[in-house]
Amino acid sequence: MASRWIVIIGAMVLPAPALAAAGESPPTPALLRLLRQDDMRLASIGYRLATRNAVLCDVLQPALGVQFHTLAQYQSAARPAVRQVFGLATPAAIEGVVPGSPADSAGAVADDGVVALVGHTLATALPDDAIRASTRDIEALEALVATLPPSAPVQMTVRRGGQEMALTVQPVPACRARFEVTPDAGASSDGYVVQIGADYLDRIDDAALAVVVAHELAHNILHHRARLEAAGAHFGVLAEFGKSGRLQRQAETEADRMSVYLLANAGYDPFSAGRYWRGVGRQFDAGLWRSRAYRSPSGRAAILDAEAAGIPREAAGPITPALLGARNQPLK
């Protein structure tokens, strides 16, 4: 199933020669509808985890509950199909709305064109199909939202059916994060962007997907990227050796432990993390080829179960674990 995502992402970001060399054709309308389905599935889980754990985060942003996209991010060969499925009468639009979110309450709907946001008028001229795909516009739009006050009303002008209308979205605070589906295997985070490989969405249910997302969000909340860099840890092929390996393993264990609280605060079963590594999560383990930064699935499950067992069953309000105090401490 992940092959469909390679086709879709290729049509979004690869130049035409690369598409031709890869033997890929533009995505069909059916594939684009699956793109929206997968994007919104991850967006909904990310929204739930990021908003219900806002009290644990020292860097916040407003959560609107929308997934934006831009016509420019799609390869020119894909744009006819994109217009057919998503409309995109304006360069930027709402790909989807998280049910029950502030944007949903404000009346925003999928395929609304975005004309203006908090006083910033967006471009209205559609990109020429000869222009190569670029994520610059979508990244700028997401960055604008991320820097807004987390609780202040957001004024948005949208175009729907040829008519413009003003919407006022009353956001809720959320941990600063952006959630993206990628065609690559695995999952990662860089302190802001949480990327989840399409193979996860194809092979696991929402409860298991929440475990994966919570682990990556935990890295962001605990500032692991910055702390690893400050400690002189290596990334890439050298990440699992010597001091770097020890530091990376410490960060991964901390993220596992923190993820249990993120799940519990968001209304998921905290024991689902341990079940994941005793069950479906094992298929994502590399076995003998596993990075030394990670424990075995059974080892991770034992740590996660022990952490979940310490959470009061009738805990009132968000739980703030003692582990949170480590986020401003150097990794040693």
C-alpha atoms as a PDB file:
ATOM      1  CA  MET A   1       0.000   0.000   0.000  1.00  0.00           C
ATOM      2  CA  ALA A   2       2.857   2.432   0.680  1.00  0.00           C
ATOM      3  CA  SER A   3       3.619   2.485  -3.053  1.00  0.00           C
ATOM      4  CA  ARG A   4       0.554   4.680  -3.557  1.00  0.00           C
ATOM      5  CA  TRP A   5       2.137   7.244  -1.246  1.00  0.00           C
ATOM      6  CA  ILE A   6       5.354   7.238  -3.264  1.00  0.00           C
ATOM      7  CA  VAL A   7       3.279   8.113  -6.337  1.00  0.00           C
ATOM      8  CA  ILE A   8       1.445  10.895  -4.490  1.00  0.00           C
ATOM      9  CA  ILE A   9       4.487  12.448  -2.815  1.00  0.00           C
ATOM     10  CA  GLY A  10       6.467  12.190  -6.032  1.00  0.00           C
ATOM     11  CA  ALA A  11       3.770  14.143  -7.794  1.00  0.00           C
ATOM     12  CA  MET A  12       3.959  16.740  -5.043  1.00  0.00           C
ATOM     13  CA  VAL A  13       7.679  17.413  -4.836  1.00  0.00           C
ATOM     14  CA  LEU A  14       9.639  15.791  -7.647  1.00  0.00           C
ATOM     15  CA  PRO A  15      10.452  17.661 -10.858  1.00  0.00           C
ATOM     16  CA  ALA A  16       9.037  16.155 -14.054  1.00  0.00           C
ATOM     17  CA  PRO A  17      12.335  14.532 -15.176  1.00  0.00           C
ATOM     18  CA  ALA A  18      12.587  12.692 -11.872  1.00  0.00           C
ATOM     19  CA  LEU A  19       9.021  11.475 -12.198  1.00  0.00           C
ATOM     20  CA  ALA A  20       9.720  10.218 -15.685  1.00  0.00           C
ATOM     21  CA  ALA A  21      12.925   8.508 -14.586  1.00  0.00           C
ATOM     22  CA  ALA A  22      11.078   6.817 -11.749  1.00  0.00           C
ATOM     23  CA  GLY A  23       8.395   5.648 -14.152  1.00  0.00           C
ATOM     24  CA  GLU A  24       5.713   7.376 -12.118  1.00  0.00           C
ATOM     25  CA  SER A  25       2.524   8.827 -13.577  1.00  0.00           C
ATOM     26  CA  PRO A  26       0.492  11.681 -12.097  1.00  0.00           C
ATOM     27  CA  PRO A  27      -1.779  10.613  -9.242  1.00  0.00           C
ATOM     28  CA  THR A  28      -5.350   9.671  -9.989  1.00  0.00           C
ATOM     29  CA  PRO A  29      -8.250  11.395  -8.226  1.00  0.00           C
ATOM     30  CA  ALA A  30      -8.694   8.246  -6.121  1.00  0.00           C
ATOM     31  CA  LEU A  31      -5.098   8.466  -4.896  1.00  0.00           C
ATOM     32  CA  LEU A  32      -5.490  12.141  -4.048  1.00  0.00           C
ATOM     33  CA  ARG A  33      -8.566  11.351  -1.989  1.00  0.00           C
ATOM     34  CA  LEU A  34      -6.491   8.785  -0.098  1.00  0.00           C
ATOM     35  CA  LEU A  35      -3.867  11.481   0.436  1.00  0.00           C
ATOM     36  CA  ARG A  36      -6.445  13.672   2.129  1.00  0.00           C
ATOM     37  CA  GLN A  37      -7.701  10.732   4.190  1.00  0.00           C
ATOM     38  CA  ASP A  38      -4.200   9.903   5.445  1.00  0.00           C
ATOM     39  CA  ASP A  39      -3.294  13.539   6.090  1.00  0.00           C
ATOM     40  CA  MET A  40      -6.428  14.104   8.132  1.00  0.00           C
ATOM     41  CA  ARG A  41      -6.022  10.869  10.055  1.00  0.00           C
ATOM     42  CA  LEU A  42      -2.587  11.992  11.245  1.00  0.00           C
ATOM     43  CA  ALA A  43      -3.749  15.593  11.735  1.00  0.00           C
ATOM     44  CA  SER A  44      -6.601  14.467  13.999  1.00  0.00           C
ATOM     45  CA  ILE A  45      -4.362  12.311  16.189  1.00  0.00           C
ATOM     46  CA  GLY A  46      -1.698  15.018  16.313  1.00  0.00           C
ATOM     47  CA  TYR A  47      -4.305  17.644  17.232  1.00  0.00           C
ATOM     48  CA  ARG A  48      -5.636  15.513  20.081  1.00  0.00           C
ATOM     49  CA  LEU A  49      -2.197  14.831  21.543  1.00  0.00           C
ATOM     50  CA  ALA A  50      -0.865  18.378  21.097  1.00  0.00           C
ATOM     51  CA  THR A  51      -3.886  20.173  22.565  1.00  0.00           C
ATOM     52  CA  ARG A  52      -4.523  17.912  25.533  1.00  0.00           C
ATOM     53  CA  ASN A  53      -0.878  18.064  26.553  1.00  0.00           C
ATOM     54  CA  ALA A  54      -0.424  21.812  26.103  1.00  0.00           C
ATOM     55  CA  VAL A  55       0.086  22.210  29.850  1.00  0.00           C
ATOM     56  CA  LEU A  56       3.300  20.171  29.534  1.00  0.00           C
ATOM     57  CA  CYS A  57       4.787  22.296  26.766  1.00  0.00           C
ATOM     58  CA  ASP A  58       6.910  25.393  27.168  1.00  0.00           C
ATOM     59  CA  VAL A  59       6.535  26.369  23.504  1.00  0.00           C
ATOM     60  CA  LEU A  60       2.937  26.758  22.344  1.00  0.00           C
ATOM     61  CA  GLN A  61       1.017  27.656  19.212  1.00  0.00           C
ATOM     62  CA  PRO A  62      -2.668  28.095  18.405  1.00  0.00           C
ATOM     63  CA  ALA A  63      -4.402  24.921  17.307  1.00  0.00           C
ATOM     64  CA  LEU A  64      -6.921  25.740  14.599  1.00  0.00           C
ATOM     65  CA  GLY A  65      -7.706  22.179  13.581  1.00  0.00           C
ATOM     66  CA  VAL A  66      -7.057  22.672   9.865  1.00  0.00           C
ATOM     67  CA  GLN A  67      -4.701  21.039   7.423  1.00  0.00           C
ATOM     68  CA  PHE A  68      -3.499  23.527   4.812  1.00  0.00           C
ATOM     69  CA  HIS A  69      -2.073  22.772   1.396  1.00  0.00           C
ATOM     70  CA  THR A  70      -1.004  24.824  -1.611  1.00  0.00           C
ATOM     71  CA  LEU A  71      -1.187  24.235  -5.330  1.00  0.00           C
ATOM     72  CA  ALA A  72       2.527  25.051  -5.642  1.00  0.00           C
ATOM     73  CA  GLN A  73       3.523  22.051  -3.554  1.00  0.00           C
ATOM     74  CA  TYR A  74       2.205  19.695  -6.249  1.00  0.00           C
ATOM     75  CA  GLN A  75       4.212  18.872  -9.364  1.00  0.00           C
ATOM     76  CA  SER A  76       2.804  20.591 -12.446  1.00  0.00           C
ATOM     77  CA  ALA A  77       1.809  17.266 -14.035  1.00  0.00           C
ATOM     78  CA  ALA A  78      -0.389  16.522 -11.023  1.00  0.00           C
ATOM     79  CA  ARG A  79      -2.150  19.889 -10.874  1.00  0.00           C
ATOM     80  CA  PRO A  80      -5.074  19.065 -13.177  1.00  0.00           C
ATOM     81  CA  ALA A  81      -6.035  16.142 -10.946  1.00  0.00           C
ATOM     82  CA  VAL A  82      -5.422  18.263  -7.840  1.00  0.00           C
ATOM     83  CA  ARG A  83      -7.813  20.944  -9.098  1.00  0.00           C
ATOM     84  CA  GLN A  84     -10.399  18.311  -9.958  1.00  0.00           C
ATOM     85  CA  VAL A  85     -10.332  16.774  -6.465  1.00  0.00           C
ATOM     86  CA  PHE A  86      -9.499  19.715  -4.181  1.00  0.00           C
ATOM     87  CA  GLY A  87     -10.724  22.700  -6.181  1.00  0.00           C
ATOM     88  CA  LEU A  88      -7.852  24.998  -5.215  1.00  0.00           C
ATOM     89  CA  ALA A  89      -9.263  28.127  -6.821  1.00  0.00           C
ATOM     90  CA  THR A  90      -6.707  29.994  -4.704  1.00  0.00           C
ATOM     91  CA  PRO A  91      -3.020  29.151  -4.238  1.00  0.00           C
ATOM     92  CA  ALA A  92      -3.586  28.113  -0.593  1.00  0.00           C
ATOM     93  CA  ALA A  93      -6.569  26.162   0.691  1.00  0.00           C
ATOM     94  CA  ILE A  94      -7.871  24.028   3.507  1.00  0.00           C
ATOM     95  CA  GLU A  95      -7.257  20.375   2.731  1.00  0.00           C
ATOM     96  CA  GLY A  96      -9.340  19.227   5.675  1.00  0.00           C
ATOM     97  CA  VAL A  97     -10.789  20.187   9.056  1.00  0.00           C
ATOM     98  CA  VAL A  98     -10.448  18.160  12.257  1.00  0.00           C
ATOM     99  CA  PRO A  99     -13.967  17.326  13.528  1.00  0.00           C
ATOM    100  CA  GLY A 100     -14.852  19.240  16.688  1.00  0.00           C
ATOM    101  CA  SER A 101     -11.898  21.606  16.332  1.00  0.00           C
ATOM    102  CA  PRO A 102     -12.059  25.426  16.546  1.00  0.00           C
ATOM    103  CA  ALA A 103     -12.033  25.700  12.753  1.00  0.00           C
ATOM    104  CA  ASP A 104     -14.918  23.249  12.570  1.00  0.00           C
ATOM    105  CA  SER A 105     -16.881  25.326  15.068  1.00  0.00           C
ATOM    106  CA  ALA A 106     -16.098  28.495  13.079  1.00  0.00           C
ATOM    107  CA  GLY A 107     -17.604  26.988   9.940  1.00  0.00           C
ATOM    108  CA  ALA A 108     -14.459  26.217   7.933  1.00  0.00           C
ATOM    109  CA  VAL A 109     -14.781  23.297   5.528  1.00  0.00           C
ATOM    110  CA  ALA A 110     -12.472  21.294   3.309  1.00  0.00           C
ATOM    111  CA  ASP A 111     -11.590  22.995   0.014  1.00  0.00           C
ATOM    112  CA  ASP A 112     -12.155  26.526   1.318  1.00  0.00           C
ATOM    113  CA  GLY A 113      -9.622  28.768  -0.410  1.00  0.00           C
ATOM    114  CA  VAL A 114      -7.559  30.866   2.015  1.00  0.00           C
ATOM    115  CA  VAL A 115      -7.498  34.530   0.955  1.00  0.00           C
ATOM    116  CA  ALA A 116      -6.265  36.210   4.132  1.00  0.00           C
ATOM    117  CA  LEU A 117      -5.067  35.200   7.579  1.00  0.00           C
ATOM    118  CA  VAL A 118      -4.727  37.551  10.575  1.00  0.00           C
ATOM    119  CA  GLY A 119      -4.338  40.575   8.341  1.00  0.00           C
ATOM    120  CA  HIS A 120      -1.936  38.933   5.906  1.00  0.00           C
ATOM    121  CA  THR A 121      -3.389  38.884   2.406  1.00  0.00           C
ATOM    122  CA  LEU A 122      -2.237  35.778   0.606  1.00  0.00           C
ATOM    123  CA  ALA A 123      -1.439  35.540  -3.077  1.00  0.00           C
ATOM    124  CA  THR A 124      -4.475  35.006  -5.276  1.00  0.00           C
ATOM    125  CA  ALA A 125      -2.800  34.284  -8.613  1.00  0.00           C
ATOM    126  CA  LEU A 126      -2.491  30.560  -9.256  1.00  0.00           C
ATOM    127  CA  PRO A 127       1.048  29.368 -10.057  1.00  0.00           C
ATOM    128  CA  ASP A 128       1.834  28.698 -13.688  1.00  0.00           C
ATOM    129  CA  ASP A 129       1.937  24.981 -14.393  1.00  0.00           C
ATOM    130  CA  ALA A 130       5.459  25.410 -15.723  1.00  0.00           C
ATOM    131  CA  ILE A 131       6.698  26.377 -12.246  1.00  0.00           C
ATOM    132  CA  ARG A 132       8.348  23.512 -10.428  1.00  0.00           C
ATOM    133  CA  ALA A 133       6.877  22.178  -7.206  1.00  0.00           C
ATOM    134  CA  SER A 134       7.942  23.909  -4.012  1.00  0.00           C
ATOM    135  CA  THR A 135       6.969  23.609  -0.348  1.00  0.00           C
ATOM    136  CA  ARG A 136       8.003  27.211   0.331  1.00  0.00           C
ATOM    137  CA  ASP A 137       4.451  28.608   0.428  1.00  0.00           C
ATOM    138  CA  ILE A 138       2.991  25.913   2.670  1.00  0.00           C
ATOM    139  CA  GLU A 139       5.935  26.176   5.071  1.00  0.00           C
ATOM    140  CA  ALA A 140       5.504  29.971   5.252  1.00  0.00           C
ATOM    141  CA  LEU A 141       1.787  29.596   5.982  1.00  0.00           C
ATOM    142  CA  GLU A 142       2.397  27.020   8.714  1.00  0.00           C
ATOM    143  CA  ALA A 143       5.179  29.185  10.191  1.00  0.00           C
ATOM    144  CA  LEU A 144       2.819  32.175  10.341  1.00  0.00           C
ATOM    145  CA  VAL A 145       0.259  30.195  12.318  1.00  0.00           C
ATOM    146  CA  ALA A 146       2.930  28.757  14.642  1.00  0.00           C
ATOM    147  CA  THR A 147       4.064  32.222  15.731  1.00  0.00           C
ATOM    148  CA  LEU A 148       0.583  33.553  16.596  1.00  0.00           C
ATOM    149  CA  PRO A 149      -0.559  33.888  20.228  1.00  0.00           C
ATOM    150  CA  PRO A 150      -1.909  30.487  21.283  1.00  0.00           C
ATOM    151  CA  SER A 151      -5.304  31.727  22.511  1.00  0.00           C
ATOM    152  CA  ALA A 152      -6.035  34.883  20.481  1.00  0.00           C
ATOM    153  CA  PRO A 153      -8.849  34.784  17.886  1.00  0.00           C
ATOM    154  CA  VAL A 154      -7.639  34.161  14.352  1.00  0.00           C
ATOM    155  CA  GLN A 155      -9.363  36.080  11.584  1.00  0.00           C
ATOM    156  CA  MET A 156      -9.490  34.206   8.307  1.00  0.00           C
ATOM    157  CA  THR A 157     -11.013  35.122   4.968  1.00  0.00           C
ATOM    158  CA  VAL A 158     -11.921  32.172   2.784  1.00  0.00           C
ATOM    159  CA  ARG A 159     -13.345  31.780  -0.694  1.00  0.00           C
ATOM    160  CA  ARG A 160     -16.105  29.222  -1.147  1.00  0.00           C
ATOM    161  CA  GLY A 161     -18.181  28.803  -4.288  1.00  0.00           C
ATOM    162  CA  GLY A 162     -16.801  32.051  -5.698  1.00  0.00           C
ATOM    163  CA  GLN A 163     -17.843  34.041  -2.623  1.00  0.00           C
ATOM    164  CA  GLU A 164     -15.568  35.385   0.101  1.00  0.00           C
ATOM    165  CA  MET A 165     -16.526  35.112   3.754  1.00  0.00           C
ATOM    166  CA  ALA A 166     -14.872  36.066   7.028  1.00  0.00           C
ATOM    167  CA  LEU A 167     -14.372  33.444   9.717  1.00  0.00           C
ATOM    168  CA  THR A 168     -13.240  33.948  13.304  1.00  0.00           C
ATOM    169  CA  VAL A 169     -11.483  30.918  14.712  1.00  0.00           C
ATOM    170  CA  GLN A 170     -11.007  30.774  18.477  1.00  0.00           C
ATOM    171  CA  PRO A 171      -8.005  28.466  18.814  1.00  0.00           C
ATOM    172  CA  VAL A 172      -6.934  26.393  21.769  1.00  0.00           C
ATOM    173  CA  PRO A 173      -3.303  26.246  22.917  1.00  0.00           C
ATOM    174  CA  ALA A 174      -1.252  23.327  21.688  1.00  0.00           C
ATOM    175  CA  CYS A 175       2.303  22.099  21.855  1.00  0.00           C
ATOM    176  CA  ARG A 176       4.142  23.638  18.917  1.00  0.00           C
ATOM    177  CA  ALA A 177       4.368  20.905  16.318  1.00  0.00           C
ATOM    178  CA  ARG A 178       3.621  20.184  12.698  1.00  0.00           C
ATOM    179  CA  PHE A 179       2.530  16.700  11.617  1.00  0.00           C
ATOM    180  CA  GLU A 180       3.454  15.314   8.197  1.00  0.00           C
ATOM    181  CA  VAL A 181       3.016  12.003   6.407  1.00  0.00           C
ATOM    182  CA  THR A 182       6.083  11.027   4.379  1.00  0.00           C
ATOM    183  CA  PRO A 183       6.765   8.203   1.906  1.00  0.00           C
ATOM    184  CA  ASP A 184       9.836   7.191   3.896  1.00  0.00           C
ATOM    185  CA  ALA A 185       9.893   4.307   6.331  1.00  0.00           C
ATOM    186  CA  GLY A 186       9.971   5.073  10.029  1.00  0.00           C
ATOM    187  CA  ALA A 187       9.066   8.104  12.116  1.00  0.00           C
ATOM    188  CA  SER A 188      11.090  11.114  13.237  1.00  0.00           C
ATOM    189  CA  SER A 189      10.968  14.543  14.843  1.00  0.00           C
ATOM    190  CA  ASP A 190      13.307  17.527  14.729  1.00  0.00           C
ATOM    191  CA  GLY A 191      12.007  19.658  17.573  1.00  0.00           C
ATOM    192  CA  TYR A 192       9.064  20.968  15.554  1.00  0.00           C
ATOM    193  CA  VAL A 193       8.069  18.749  12.634  1.00  0.00           C
ATOM    194  CA  VAL A 194       6.824  15.238  13.406  1.00  0.00           C
ATOM    195  CA  GLN A 195       7.064  13.004  10.345  1.00  0.00           C
ATOM    196  CA  ILE A 196       5.309   9.650  10.192  1.00  0.00           C
ATOM    197  CA  GLY A 197       6.039   7.200   7.390  1.00  0.00           C
ATOM    198  CA  ALA A 198       3.124   6.116   5.233  1.00  0.00           C
ATOM    199  CA  ASP A 199       3.860   2.488   6.059  1.00  0.00           C
ATOM    200  CA  TYR A 200       2.551   3.134   9.574  1.00  0.00           C
ATOM    201  CA  LEU A 201      -0.747   4.513   8.305  1.00  0.00           C
ATOM    202  CA  ASP A 202      -1.130   1.564   5.954  1.00  0.00           C
ATOM    203  CA  ARG A 203      -0.436  -1.112   8.554  1.00  0.00           C
ATOM    204  CA  ILE A 204      -1.727  -0.015  11.986  1.00  0.00           C
ATOM    205  CA  ASP A 205      -4.955   1.294  13.508  1.00  0.00           C
ATOM    206  CA  ASP A 206      -5.477   4.683  15.155  1.00  0.00           C
ATOM    207  CA  ALA A 207      -4.700   3.476  18.685  1.00  0.00           C
ATOM    208  CA  ALA A 208      -1.325   2.134  17.556  1.00  0.00           C
ATOM    209  CA  LEU A 209      -0.664   5.200  15.404  1.00  0.00           C
ATOM    210  CA  ALA A 210      -1.229   7.393  18.471  1.00  0.00           C
ATOM    211  CA  VAL A 211       1.575   5.475  20.242  1.00  0.00           C
ATOM    212  CA  VAL A 212       3.988   6.270  17.409  1.00  0.00           C
ATOM    213  CA  VAL A 213       2.970   9.941  17.243  1.00  0.00           C
ATOM    214  CA  ALA A 214       3.138  10.338  21.033  1.00  0.00           C
ATOM    215  CA  HIS A 215       6.715   9.017  21.065  1.00  0.00           C
ATOM    216  CA  GLU A 216       7.821  11.552  18.432  1.00  0.00           C
ATOM    217  CA  LEU A 217       5.944  14.407  20.097  1.00  0.00           C
ATOM    218  CA  ALA A 218       7.647  13.459  23.376  1.00  0.00           C
ATOM    219  CA  HIS A 219      11.024  14.077  21.720  1.00  0.00           C
ATOM    220  CA  ASN A 220       9.891  17.616  20.899  1.00  0.00           C
ATOM    221  CA  ILE A 221       8.483  18.319  24.351  1.00  0.00           C
ATOM    222  CA  LEU A 222      11.711  17.110  25.987  1.00  0.00           C
ATOM    223  CA  HIS A 223      13.851  19.168  23.559  1.00  0.00           C
ATOM    224  CA  HIS A 224      15.870  16.111  22.636  1.00  0.00           C
ATOM    225  CA  ARG A 225      17.250  17.441  19.374  1.00  0.00           C
ATOM    226  CA  ALA A 226      18.652  20.572  21.023  1.00  0.00           C
ATOM    227  CA  ARG A 227      19.919  18.642  24.043  1.00  0.00           C
ATOM    228  CA  LEU A 228      21.646  16.039  21.867  1.00  0.00           C
ATOM    229  CA  GLU A 229      23.294  18.734  19.771  1.00  0.00           C
ATOM    230  CA  ALA A 230      24.406  20.575  22.920  1.00  0.00           C
ATOM    231  CA  ALA A 231      25.965  17.354  24.226  1.00  0.00           C
ATOM    232  CA  GLY A 232      27.904  16.879  20.985  1.00  0.00           C
ATOM    233  CA  ALA A 233      25.982  13.800  19.858  1.00  0.00           C
ATOM    234  CA  HIS A 234      26.302  12.660  16.265  1.00  0.00           C
ATOM    235  CA  PHE A 235      23.402  11.924  13.954  1.00  0.00           C
ATOM    236  CA  GLY A 236      23.145   9.622  10.950  1.00  0.00           C
ATOM    237  CA  VAL A 237      25.552   6.693  10.594  1.00  0.00           C
ATOM    238  CA  LEU A 238      27.581   7.658  13.676  1.00  0.00           C
ATOM    239  CA  ALA A 239      24.579   8.128  15.946  1.00  0.00           C
ATOM    240  CA  GLU A 240      24.670   4.693  17.571  1.00  0.00           C
ATOM    241  CA  PHE A 241      28.349   4.481  18.532  1.00  0.00           C
ATOM    242  CA  GLY A 242      30.215   5.530  21.657  1.00  0.00           C
ATOM    243  CA  LYS A 243      28.967   8.564  23.542  1.00  0.00           C
ATOM    244  CA  SER A 244      26.442   9.381  20.819  1.00  0.00           C
ATOM    245  CA  GLY A 245      24.901   5.935  21.072  1.00  0.00           C
ATOM    246  CA  ARG A 246      24.544   6.241  24.834  1.00  0.00           C
ATOM    247  CA  LEU A 247      22.963   9.696  24.559  1.00  0.00           C
ATOM    248  CA  GLN A 248      20.631   8.637  21.766  1.00  0.00           C
ATOM    249  CA  ARG A 249      19.527   5.614  23.807  1.00  0.00           C
ATOM    250  CA  GLN A 250      18.845   7.860  26.803  1.00  0.00           C
ATOM    251  CA  ALA A 251      16.724  10.166  24.629  1.00  0.00           C
ATOM    252  CA  GLU A 252      14.751   7.267  23.150  1.00  0.00           C
ATOM    253  CA  THR A 253      14.023   5.821  26.590  1.00  0.00           C
ATOM    254  CA  GLU A 254      12.923   9.220  27.899  1.00  0.00           C
ATOM    255  CA  ALA A 255      10.612   9.651  24.892  1.00  0.00           C
ATOM    256  CA  ASP A 256       9.094   6.213  25.481  1.00  0.00           C
ATOM    257  CA  ARG A 257       8.423   7.004  29.120  1.00  0.00           C
ATOM    258  CA  MET A 258       6.999  10.476  28.367  1.00  0.00           C
ATOM    259  CA  SER A 259       4.759   9.091  25.615  1.00  0.00           C
ATOM    260  CA  VAL A 260       2.754   7.124  28.181  1.00  0.00           C
ATOM    261  CA  TYR A 261       1.682  10.355  29.902  1.00  0.00           C
ATOM    262  CA  LEU A 262       0.895  12.058  26.606  1.00  0.00           C
ATOM    263  CA  LEU A 263      -1.383   9.152  25.712  1.00  0.00           C
ATOM    264  CA  ALA A 264      -3.097   9.183  29.097  1.00  0.00           C
ATOM    265  CA  ASN A 265      -3.661  12.953  29.014  1.00  0.00           C
ATOM    266  CA  ALA A 266      -5.175  12.680  25.530  1.00  0.00           C
ATOM    267  CA  GLY A 267      -7.642  10.011  26.629  1.00  0.00           C
ATOM    268  CA  TYR A 268      -5.836   7.006  25.166  1.00  0.00           C
ATOM    269  CA  ASP A 269      -5.126   3.898  27.228  1.00  0.00           C
ATOM    270  CA  PRO A 270      -1.581   4.387  28.618  1.00  0.00           C
ATOM    271  CA  PHE A 271      -1.052   0.617  28.462  1.00  0.00           C
ATOM    272  CA  SER A 272      -1.525   0.743  24.684  1.00  0.00           C
ATOM    273  CA  ALA A 273       2.158   1.698  24.324  1.00  0.00           C
ATOM    274  CA  GLY A 274       3.365  -1.526  25.902  1.00  0.00           C
ATOM    275  CA  ARG A 275       0.829  -3.542  23.930  1.00  0.00           C
ATOM    276  CA  TYR A 276       2.072  -1.925  20.744  1.00  0.00           C
ATOM    277  CA  TRP A 277       5.636  -3.182  21.272  1.00  0.00           C
ATOM    278  CA  ARG A 278       4.468  -6.623  22.331  1.00  0.00           C
ATOM    279  CA  GLY A 279       2.267  -6.840  19.253  1.00  0.00           C
ATOM    280  CA  VAL A 280       2.008  -4.917  15.980  1.00  0.00           C
ATOM    281  CA  GLY A 281       5.032  -2.727  16.700  1.00  0.00           C
ATOM    282  CA  ARG A 282       7.347  -5.716  16.399  1.00  0.00           C
ATOM    283  CA  GLN A 283       6.899  -5.679  12.626  1.00  0.00           C
ATOM    284  CA  PHE A 284       8.703  -2.315  12.539  1.00  0.00           C
ATOM    285  CA  ASP A 285      11.654  -3.580  14.575  1.00  0.00           C
ATOM    286  CA  ALA A 286      14.839  -4.217  12.587  1.00  0.00           C
ATOM    287  CA  GLY A 287      15.960  -7.129  14.758  1.00  0.00           C
ATOM    288  CA  LEU A 288      19.707  -7.719  14.357  1.00  0.00           C
ATOM    289  CA  TRP A 289      19.890  -4.526  12.274  1.00  0.00           C
ATOM    290  CA  ARG A 290      18.252  -2.440  14.978  1.00  0.00           C
ATOM    291  CA  SER A 291      20.015   0.803  15.886  1.00  0.00           C
ATOM    292  CA  ARG A 292      21.749   0.580  19.257  1.00  0.00           C
ATOM    293  CA  ALA A 293      19.779   3.663  20.258  1.00  0.00           C
ATOM    294  CA  TYR A 294      16.713   1.445  20.673  1.00  0.00           C
ATOM    295  CA  ARG A 295      15.946  -1.308  23.118  1.00  0.00           C
ATOM    296  CA  SER A 296      14.345  -4.539  21.941  1.00  0.00           C
ATOM    297  CA  PRO A 297      10.547  -4.519  21.563  1.00  0.00           C
ATOM    298  CA  SER A 298      10.192  -6.572  24.745  1.00  0.00           C
ATOM    299  CA  GLY A 299      12.530  -4.213  26.608  1.00  0.00           C
ATOM    300  CA  ARG A 300      10.579  -1.186  25.471  1.00  0.00           C
ATOM    301  CA  ALA A 301       7.280  -2.838  26.385  1.00  0.00           C
ATOM    302  CA  ALA A 302       8.537  -3.569  29.916  1.00  0.00           C
ATOM    303  CA  ILE A 303       9.561   0.067  30.477  1.00  0.00           C
ATOM    304  CA  LEU A 304       6.287   1.357  29.049  1.00  0.00           C
ATOM    305  CA  ASP A 305       4.170  -1.008  31.142  1.00  0.00           C
ATOM    306  CA  ALA A 306       6.024  -0.011  34.305  1.00  0.00           C
ATOM    307  CA  GLU A 307       5.469   3.674  33.553  1.00  0.00           C
ATOM    308  CA  ALA A 308       1.779   3.161  32.807  1.00  0.00           C
ATOM    309  CA  ALA A 309       1.307   1.185  36.022  1.00  0.00           C
ATOM    310  CA  GLY A 310       2.349   4.241  38.024  1.00  0.00           C
ATOM    311  CA  ILE A 311      -0.391   6.472  36.583  1.00  0.00           C
ATOM    312  CA  PRO A 312      -3.385   6.829  38.945  1.00  0.00           C
ATOM    313  CA  ARG A 313      -6.498   5.356  37.366  1.00  0.00           C
ATOM    314  CA  GLU A 314      -8.662   8.267  38.485  1.00  0.00           C
ATOM    315  CA  ALA A 315      -6.166  11.054  37.839  1.00  0.00           C
ATOM    316  CA  ALA A 316      -7.903  14.432  37.647  1.00  0.00           C
ATOM    317  CA  GLY A 317      -6.668  16.718  34.905  1.00  0.00           C
ATOM    318  CA  PRO A 318      -3.462  16.430  32.880  1.00  0.00           C
ATOM    319  CA  ILE A 319      -0.661  14.477  34.545  1.00  0.00           C
ATOM    320  CA  THR A 320       2.693  16.242  34.752  1.00  0.00           C
ATOM    321  CA  PRO A 321       5.415  13.609  35.141  1.00  0.00           C
ATOM    322  CA  ALA A 322       8.627  14.279  37.047  1.00  0.00           C
ATOM    323  CA  LEU A 323      10.470  13.393  33.850  1.00  0.00           C
ATOM    324  CA  LEU A 324       9.413  16.765  32.434  1.00  0.00           C
ATOM    325  CA  GLY A 325      11.964  18.433  34.699  1.00  0.00           C
ATOM    326  CA  ALA A 326      14.765  16.911  32.632  1.00  0.00           C
ATOM    327  CA  ARG A 327      13.968  18.859  29.463  1.00  0.00           C
ATOM    328  CA  ASN A 328      16.212  21.769  30.387  1.00  0.00           C
ATOM    329  CA  GLN A 329      18.995  19.575  31.754  1.00  0.00           C
ATOM    330  CA  PRO A 330      21.969  18.455  29.656  1.00  0.00           C
ATOM    331  CA  LEU A 331      22.047  14.883  28.456  1.00  0.00           C
ATOM    332  CA  LYS A 332      25.022  13.119  30.007  1.00  0.00           C
END
